[in-house]
N, C-alpha and C. Protein backbone atom coordinates (compact mmCIF):
# COMPACT_ATOMS: atom_id res chain seq x y z
N MET A 1 -15.01 -12.63 4.83
CA MET A 1 -15.51 -12.56 3.46
C MET A 1 -14.54 -11.74 2.62
N LEU A 2 -14.28 -12.20 1.44
CA LEU A 2 -13.36 -11.54 0.53
C LEU A 2 -14.09 -10.41 -0.20
N GLU A 3 -13.61 -9.19 -0.02
CA GLU A 3 -14.22 -8.04 -0.67
C GLU A 3 -13.36 -7.57 -1.82
N ARG A 4 -13.87 -6.65 -2.60
CA ARG A 4 -13.20 -6.19 -3.81
C ARG A 4 -11.79 -5.65 -3.55
N PRO A 5 -11.58 -4.77 -2.55
CA PRO A 5 -10.21 -4.29 -2.33
C PRO A 5 -9.22 -5.41 -2.00
N ASP A 6 -9.69 -6.39 -1.24
CA ASP A 6 -8.82 -7.51 -0.91
C ASP A 6 -8.47 -8.32 -2.14
N ALA A 7 -9.44 -8.54 -3.00
CA ALA A 7 -9.20 -9.30 -4.23
C ALA A 7 -8.24 -8.57 -5.15
N VAL A 8 -8.38 -7.25 -5.25
CA VAL A 8 -7.49 -6.48 -6.11
C VAL A 8 -6.07 -6.51 -5.57
N LEU A 9 -5.93 -6.33 -4.26
CA LEU A 9 -4.59 -6.37 -3.67
C LEU A 9 -3.95 -7.75 -3.79
N ALA A 10 -4.73 -8.80 -3.76
CA ALA A 10 -4.19 -10.15 -3.93
C ALA A 10 -3.83 -10.41 -5.39
N ALA A 11 -4.55 -9.83 -6.32
CA ALA A 11 -4.32 -10.08 -7.74
C ALA A 11 -3.07 -9.40 -8.27
N ILE A 12 -2.68 -8.28 -7.68
CA ILE A 12 -1.54 -7.53 -8.21
C ILE A 12 -0.25 -8.36 -8.18
N PRO A 13 0.17 -8.93 -7.05
CA PRO A 13 1.41 -9.72 -7.11
C PRO A 13 1.26 -11.01 -7.92
N LEU A 14 0.05 -11.58 -7.93
CA LEU A 14 -0.15 -12.78 -8.74
C LEU A 14 0.03 -12.49 -10.22
N LEU A 15 -0.51 -11.37 -10.67
CA LEU A 15 -0.34 -10.99 -12.07
C LEU A 15 1.12 -10.66 -12.37
N ALA A 16 1.77 -9.98 -11.44
CA ALA A 16 3.16 -9.59 -11.66
C ALA A 16 4.07 -10.81 -11.82
N MET A 17 3.80 -11.85 -11.07
CA MET A 17 4.63 -13.05 -11.13
C MET A 17 4.21 -14.01 -12.23
N SER A 18 3.04 -13.81 -12.81
CA SER A 18 2.56 -14.76 -13.81
C SER A 18 3.42 -14.79 -15.06
N GLY A 19 3.95 -13.66 -15.47
CA GLY A 19 4.82 -13.64 -16.64
C GLY A 19 6.11 -14.42 -16.40
N LEU A 20 6.68 -14.24 -15.21
CA LEU A 20 7.90 -14.98 -14.89
C LEU A 20 7.62 -16.47 -14.75
N ALA A 21 6.49 -16.80 -14.16
CA ALA A 21 6.13 -18.22 -14.00
C ALA A 21 5.92 -18.87 -15.35
N LEU A 22 5.24 -18.19 -16.26
CA LEU A 22 5.01 -18.74 -17.59
C LEU A 22 6.33 -18.91 -18.33
N ARG A 23 7.21 -17.93 -18.19
CA ARG A 23 8.52 -18.02 -18.85
C ARG A 23 9.31 -19.21 -18.30
N THR A 24 9.25 -19.42 -16.99
CA THR A 24 9.96 -20.53 -16.36
C THR A 24 9.41 -21.86 -16.83
N VAL A 25 8.09 -21.98 -16.90
CA VAL A 25 7.47 -23.23 -17.34
C VAL A 25 7.89 -23.56 -18.78
N ILE A 26 7.90 -22.57 -19.63
CA ILE A 26 8.29 -22.81 -21.02
C ILE A 26 9.75 -23.21 -21.10
N ALA A 27 10.61 -22.54 -20.32
CA ALA A 27 12.04 -22.85 -20.37
C ALA A 27 12.34 -24.23 -19.79
N VAL A 28 11.66 -24.60 -18.71
CA VAL A 28 11.92 -25.89 -18.06
C VAL A 28 11.44 -27.05 -18.91
N THR A 29 10.27 -26.91 -19.52
CA THR A 29 9.74 -28.01 -20.31
C THR A 29 10.43 -28.16 -21.65
N GLY A 30 11.15 -27.15 -22.07
CA GLY A 30 11.82 -27.22 -23.36
C GLY A 30 10.87 -27.04 -24.52
N ALA A 31 9.64 -26.58 -24.25
CA ALA A 31 8.65 -26.41 -25.31
C ALA A 31 8.96 -25.20 -26.18
N GLY A 32 9.77 -24.28 -25.68
CA GLY A 32 10.10 -23.09 -26.46
C GLY A 32 11.57 -22.76 -26.31
N THR A 33 12.00 -21.82 -27.07
CA THR A 33 13.40 -21.38 -26.98
C THR A 33 13.48 -20.13 -26.12
N GLY A 34 14.67 -19.67 -25.86
CA GLY A 34 14.87 -18.43 -25.11
C GLY A 34 14.25 -17.24 -25.81
N LEU A 35 14.26 -17.28 -27.12
CA LEU A 35 13.66 -16.17 -27.86
C LEU A 35 12.15 -16.13 -27.69
N LEU A 36 11.53 -17.29 -27.56
CA LEU A 36 10.09 -17.35 -27.35
C LEU A 36 9.74 -16.89 -25.94
N ALA A 37 10.53 -17.28 -24.96
CA ALA A 37 10.22 -16.99 -23.57
C ALA A 37 10.62 -15.59 -23.14
N ALA A 38 11.56 -14.97 -23.80
CA ALA A 38 12.09 -13.67 -23.36
C ALA A 38 11.03 -12.58 -23.23
N PRO A 39 10.15 -12.37 -24.19
CA PRO A 39 9.19 -11.28 -24.02
C PRO A 39 8.07 -11.57 -23.03
N LEU A 40 8.00 -12.76 -22.47
CA LEU A 40 6.92 -13.10 -21.54
C LEU A 40 7.14 -12.54 -20.14
N ALA A 41 8.38 -12.25 -19.77
CA ALA A 41 8.65 -11.77 -18.41
C ALA A 41 7.95 -10.46 -18.09
N PRO A 42 8.01 -9.44 -18.94
CA PRO A 42 7.35 -8.18 -18.59
C PRO A 42 5.83 -8.20 -18.75
N VAL A 43 5.28 -9.23 -19.34
CA VAL A 43 3.84 -9.28 -19.55
C VAL A 43 3.08 -9.28 -18.21
N GLY A 44 3.58 -10.01 -17.24
CA GLY A 44 2.93 -10.05 -15.93
C GLY A 44 2.96 -8.69 -15.25
N TYR A 45 4.09 -8.00 -15.35
CA TYR A 45 4.20 -6.68 -14.74
C TYR A 45 3.25 -5.69 -15.42
N LEU A 46 3.15 -5.78 -16.73
CA LEU A 46 2.24 -4.89 -17.45
C LEU A 46 0.78 -5.19 -17.11
N ALA A 47 0.45 -6.46 -16.93
CA ALA A 47 -0.91 -6.82 -16.54
C ALA A 47 -1.24 -6.29 -15.15
N ALA A 48 -0.30 -6.37 -14.22
CA ALA A 48 -0.52 -5.84 -12.87
C ALA A 48 -0.67 -4.32 -12.91
N LEU A 49 0.15 -3.66 -13.71
CA LEU A 49 0.05 -2.21 -13.84
C LEU A 49 -1.28 -1.81 -14.47
N ALA A 50 -1.73 -2.56 -15.47
CA ALA A 50 -3.02 -2.29 -16.09
C ALA A 50 -4.16 -2.45 -15.09
N LEU A 51 -4.07 -3.45 -14.22
CA LEU A 51 -5.09 -3.65 -13.19
C LEU A 51 -5.13 -2.46 -12.24
N VAL A 52 -3.97 -1.98 -11.83
CA VAL A 52 -3.93 -0.83 -10.93
C VAL A 52 -4.54 0.39 -11.59
N PHE A 53 -4.16 0.67 -12.83
CA PHE A 53 -4.72 1.84 -13.53
C PHE A 53 -6.21 1.69 -13.77
N ARG A 54 -6.66 0.47 -14.08
CA ARG A 54 -8.09 0.26 -14.29
C ARG A 54 -8.87 0.53 -13.01
N GLU A 55 -8.32 0.07 -11.89
CA GLU A 55 -8.99 0.31 -10.61
C GLU A 55 -9.01 1.79 -10.27
N LEU A 56 -7.94 2.50 -10.58
CA LEU A 56 -7.90 3.93 -10.28
C LEU A 56 -8.82 4.74 -11.18
N LEU A 57 -8.98 4.29 -12.43
CA LEU A 57 -9.77 5.07 -13.38
C LEU A 57 -11.25 4.69 -13.40
N THR A 58 -11.57 3.45 -13.07
CA THR A 58 -12.98 3.02 -13.16
C THR A 58 -13.50 2.39 -11.89
N GLY A 59 -12.67 2.21 -10.90
CA GLY A 59 -13.09 1.54 -9.68
C GLY A 59 -13.73 2.48 -8.68
N PRO A 60 -13.82 2.04 -7.45
CA PRO A 60 -14.46 2.85 -6.40
C PRO A 60 -13.76 4.19 -6.15
N VAL A 61 -12.46 4.26 -6.34
CA VAL A 61 -11.75 5.53 -6.14
C VAL A 61 -12.22 6.55 -7.15
N ALA A 62 -12.37 6.15 -8.39
CA ALA A 62 -12.85 7.07 -9.42
C ALA A 62 -14.29 7.49 -9.17
N GLU A 63 -15.10 6.56 -8.70
CA GLU A 63 -16.50 6.90 -8.40
C GLU A 63 -16.59 7.90 -7.25
N GLN A 64 -15.76 7.75 -6.23
CA GLN A 64 -15.76 8.72 -5.13
C GLN A 64 -15.29 10.07 -5.59
N ALA A 65 -14.28 10.11 -6.45
CA ALA A 65 -13.78 11.38 -6.96
C ALA A 65 -14.83 12.06 -7.84
N GLU A 66 -15.56 11.26 -8.60
CA GLU A 66 -16.58 11.80 -9.47
C GLU A 66 -17.74 12.41 -8.67
N ASN A 67 -18.07 11.78 -7.56
CA ASN A 67 -19.17 12.27 -6.73
C ASN A 67 -18.75 13.43 -5.84
N GLY A 68 -17.47 13.72 -5.78
CA GLY A 68 -16.99 14.85 -5.01
C GLY A 68 -16.75 14.59 -3.55
N SER A 69 -16.89 13.34 -3.11
CA SER A 69 -16.64 13.04 -1.70
C SER A 69 -15.16 12.68 -1.53
N ALA A 70 -14.61 13.11 -0.42
CA ALA A 70 -13.18 12.88 -0.19
C ALA A 70 -12.96 11.65 0.65
């Protein structure tokens, strides 16, 4: 059974690569120019970083720290 920690760990690399994948799709299809696709690469990395920080600040780790259990 897929639990929350497993889902979060699986989502991090998927989010990190999503910006590069989107940039590649736009460049290959010719739907956009290099200027349109250029800022999309770091978006995936920022989304993955935001997920990590959200989990640390509001997820089970934060709840354990708030309750005082180590």
